[in-house]
């Protein structure tokens, strides 16, 4: 399952980030969305979504979220 498929107010654990060639994906990994981290999908807003991890909220595009493999809790 990828992060874009997780419903609002649901938690998931990041398994891996695919396609690290994308600059933004490397940046979000540096912000705390990396393998082993728990994330919560706060809101889905059209083509974007807001996720929280380690007390931070991060807005990402759903197309990029498809590159983040997760396992729901």
N, C-alpha and C. Protein backbone atom coordinates (compact mmCIF):
# COMPACT_ATOMS: atom_id res chain seq x y z
N UNK A 1 0.85 -1.17 0.00
CA UNK A 1 0.00 0.00 0.00
C UNK A 1 0.90 1.23 0.00
N UNK A 2 0.44 2.29 -0.65
CA UNK A 2 1.22 3.53 -0.62
C UNK A 2 0.51 4.58 0.23
N UNK A 3 1.24 5.62 0.58
CA UNK A 3 0.72 6.64 1.48
C UNK A 3 -0.52 7.34 0.92
N UNK A 4 -0.62 7.49 -0.39
CA UNK A 4 -1.77 8.15 -1.00
C UNK A 4 -3.06 7.36 -0.78
N UNK A 5 -2.96 6.07 -0.51
CA UNK A 5 -4.13 5.22 -0.32
C UNK A 5 -4.63 5.20 1.13
N UNK A 6 -3.89 5.75 2.05
CA UNK A 6 -4.28 5.75 3.46
C UNK A 6 -5.36 6.80 3.68
N UNK A 7 -6.40 6.44 4.42
CA UNK A 7 -7.51 7.36 4.68
C UNK A 7 -7.17 8.43 5.70
N UNK A 8 -7.99 9.47 5.74
CA UNK A 8 -7.81 10.54 6.71
C UNK A 8 -7.90 10.01 8.13
N UNK A 9 -7.10 10.60 9.01
CA UNK A 9 -7.03 10.24 10.43
C UNK A 9 -6.57 8.81 10.68
N UNK A 10 -5.89 8.23 9.71
CA UNK A 10 -5.35 6.88 9.86
C UNK A 10 -3.84 6.96 10.00
N UNK A 11 -3.29 6.00 10.75
CA UNK A 11 -1.85 5.93 10.95
C UNK A 11 -1.26 4.80 10.13
N UNK A 12 0.00 4.97 9.76
CA UNK A 12 0.71 3.96 9.00
C UNK A 12 2.20 4.06 9.34
N UNK A 13 2.91 2.97 9.08
CA UNK A 13 4.35 2.94 9.27
C UNK A 13 5.00 2.91 7.90
N UNK A 14 5.97 3.79 7.69
CA UNK A 14 6.68 3.87 6.41
C UNK A 14 7.58 2.65 6.27
N UNK A 15 7.43 1.94 5.16
CA UNK A 15 8.27 0.77 4.88
C UNK A 15 9.47 1.15 4.03
N UNK A 16 9.24 1.94 2.99
CA UNK A 16 10.36 2.40 2.17
C UNK A 16 9.89 3.52 1.25
N UNK A 17 10.85 4.27 0.76
CA UNK A 17 10.58 5.33 -0.20
C UNK A 17 11.18 4.90 -1.52
N UNK A 18 10.31 4.80 -2.53
CA UNK A 18 10.76 4.41 -3.87
C UNK A 18 11.23 5.65 -4.62
N UNK A 19 12.05 5.47 -5.62
CA UNK A 19 12.46 6.53 -6.53
C UNK A 19 13.04 7.74 -5.79
N UNK A 20 14.15 7.55 -5.12
CA UNK A 20 14.78 8.64 -4.38
C UNK A 20 15.48 9.64 -5.30
N UNK A 21 15.34 9.47 -6.61
CA UNK A 21 15.92 10.43 -7.55
C UNK A 21 15.21 11.78 -7.45
N UNK A 22 13.98 11.75 -7.02
CA UNK A 22 13.20 12.98 -6.91
C UNK A 22 13.71 13.81 -5.73
N UNK A 23 14.04 15.07 -5.97
CA UNK A 23 14.58 15.95 -4.94
C UNK A 23 13.61 16.08 -3.77
N UNK A 24 12.33 16.20 -4.06
CA UNK A 24 11.34 16.36 -2.99
C UNK A 24 11.27 15.13 -2.10
N UNK A 25 11.36 13.94 -2.70
CA UNK A 25 11.32 12.73 -1.89
C UNK A 25 12.51 12.66 -0.94
N UNK A 26 13.67 13.10 -1.38
CA UNK A 26 14.85 13.13 -0.49
C UNK A 26 14.62 14.15 0.62
N UNK A 27 13.97 15.26 0.28
CA UNK A 27 13.71 16.29 1.28
C UNK A 27 12.73 15.81 2.34
N UNK A 28 11.65 15.15 1.94
CA UNK A 28 10.69 14.68 2.95
C UNK A 28 11.29 13.58 3.81
N UNK A 29 12.20 12.81 3.25
CA UNK A 29 12.89 11.81 4.06
C UNK A 29 13.71 12.53 5.13
N UNK A 30 14.34 13.63 4.77
CA UNK A 30 15.12 14.42 5.73
C UNK A 30 14.22 15.07 6.78
N UNK A 31 12.95 15.32 6.44
CA UNK A 31 12.00 15.93 7.39
C UNK A 31 11.43 14.92 8.38
N UNK A 32 11.73 13.66 8.20
CA UNK A 32 11.26 12.67 9.16
C UNK A 32 10.40 11.58 8.58
N UNK A 33 10.00 11.69 7.33
CA UNK A 33 9.22 10.62 6.71
C UNK A 33 10.22 9.67 6.08
N UNK A 34 10.59 8.65 6.89
CA UNK A 34 11.59 7.68 6.43
C UNK A 34 11.19 6.30 6.95
N UNK A 35 11.86 5.29 6.47
CA UNK A 35 11.52 3.91 6.84
C UNK A 35 11.50 3.75 8.36
N UNK A 36 10.43 3.10 8.84
CA UNK A 36 10.27 2.84 10.25
C UNK A 36 9.50 3.89 11.01
N UNK A 37 9.29 5.05 10.42
CA UNK A 37 8.57 6.13 11.10
C UNK A 37 7.07 5.97 10.97
N UNK A 38 6.35 6.34 12.02
CA UNK A 38 4.89 6.32 11.99
C UNK A 38 4.41 7.68 11.48
N UNK A 39 3.47 7.65 10.56
CA UNK A 39 2.88 8.88 10.03
C UNK A 39 1.37 8.80 10.17
N UNK A 40 0.75 9.95 10.25
CA UNK A 40 -0.71 10.02 10.31
C UNK A 40 -1.18 10.94 9.20
N UNK A 41 -2.16 10.47 8.43
CA UNK A 41 -2.74 11.31 7.40
C UNK A 41 -3.76 12.21 8.08
N UNK A 42 -3.45 13.48 8.13
CA UNK A 42 -4.33 14.45 8.80
C UNK A 42 -5.51 14.84 7.91
N UNK A 43 -5.19 15.23 6.65
CA UNK A 43 -6.23 15.68 5.73
C UNK A 43 -5.84 15.37 4.31
N UNK A 44 -6.86 15.20 3.48
CA UNK A 44 -6.65 15.08 2.04
C UNK A 44 -7.36 16.26 1.41
N UNK A 45 -6.60 17.04 0.64
CA UNK A 45 -7.10 18.28 0.07
C UNK A 45 -6.88 18.27 -1.44
N UNK A 46 -7.81 17.73 -2.18
CA UNK A 46 -7.64 17.67 -3.63
C UNK A 46 -6.45 16.82 -4.01
N UNK A 47 -5.46 17.42 -4.68
CA UNK A 47 -4.27 16.68 -5.11
C UNK A 47 -3.19 16.64 -4.03
N UNK A 48 -3.45 17.24 -2.88
CA UNK A 48 -2.47 17.29 -1.81
C UNK A 48 -2.99 16.58 -0.57
N UNK A 49 -2.07 16.31 0.32
CA UNK A 49 -2.45 15.72 1.60
C UNK A 49 -1.52 16.25 2.68
N UNK A 50 -2.03 16.32 3.89
CA UNK A 50 -1.24 16.77 5.03
C UNK A 50 -1.00 15.56 5.91
N UNK A 51 0.27 15.28 6.19
CA UNK A 51 0.64 14.17 7.05
C UNK A 51 1.43 14.71 8.23
N UNK A 52 1.34 14.02 9.35
CA UNK A 52 2.12 14.45 10.52
C UNK A 52 3.03 13.31 10.96
N UNK A 53 4.20 13.70 11.43
CA UNK A 53 5.17 12.77 11.99
C UNK A 53 6.07 13.56 12.93
N UNK A 54 6.43 12.96 14.03
CA UNK A 54 7.32 13.59 15.01
C UNK A 54 6.85 15.00 15.38
N UNK A 55 5.54 15.22 15.45
CA UNK A 55 5.01 16.52 15.83
C UNK A 55 5.02 17.56 14.73
N UNK A 56 5.41 17.19 13.53
CA UNK A 56 5.44 18.13 12.40
C UNK A 56 4.35 17.78 11.41
N UNK A 57 3.80 18.77 10.77
CA UNK A 57 2.83 18.54 9.70
C UNK A 57 3.48 18.93 8.39
N UNK A 58 3.32 18.05 7.39
CA UNK A 58 3.95 18.25 6.09
C UNK A 58 2.90 18.08 5.01
N UNK A 59 2.83 19.01 4.08
CA UNK A 59 1.91 18.90 2.95
C UNK A 59 2.68 18.31 1.77
N UNK A 60 2.12 17.25 1.18
CA UNK A 60 2.77 16.64 0.01
C UNK A 60 1.74 16.34 -1.07
N UNK A 61 2.19 16.28 -2.27
CA UNK A 61 1.37 15.96 -3.43
C UNK A 61 1.05 14.47 -3.42
N UNK A 62 -0.17 14.09 -3.78
CA UNK A 62 -0.55 12.68 -3.77
C UNK A 62 0.28 11.85 -4.74
N UNK A 63 0.71 12.45 -5.87
CA UNK A 63 1.56 11.70 -6.80
C UNK A 63 2.88 11.32 -6.15
N UNK A 64 3.44 12.21 -5.34
CA UNK A 64 4.67 11.88 -4.62
C UNK A 64 4.40 10.88 -3.50
N UNK A 65 3.23 10.99 -2.87
CA UNK A 65 2.88 10.06 -1.79
C UNK A 65 2.77 8.62 -2.31
N UNK A 66 2.51 8.47 -3.60
CA UNK A 66 2.44 7.12 -4.18
C UNK A 66 3.81 6.44 -4.18
N UNK A 67 4.88 7.20 -3.99
CA UNK A 67 6.22 6.64 -3.93
C UNK A 67 6.65 6.25 -2.53
N UNK A 68 5.73 6.40 -1.57
CA UNK A 68 6.05 6.07 -0.17
C UNK A 68 5.25 4.84 0.21
N UNK A 69 5.92 3.70 0.36
CA UNK A 69 5.24 2.45 0.74
C UNK A 69 5.03 2.45 2.24
N UNK A 70 3.81 2.10 2.66
CA UNK A 70 3.46 2.07 4.07
C UNK A 70 2.71 0.79 4.42
N UNK A 71 2.64 0.55 5.72
CA UNK A 71 1.83 -0.55 6.25
C UNK A 71 0.91 0.08 7.29
N UNK A 72 -0.39 -0.10 7.14
CA UNK A 72 -1.34 0.52 8.07
C UNK A 72 -1.32 -0.20 9.40
N UNK A 73 -1.71 0.55 10.43
CA UNK A 73 -1.74 0.00 11.78
C UNK A 73 -3.11 -0.49 12.12
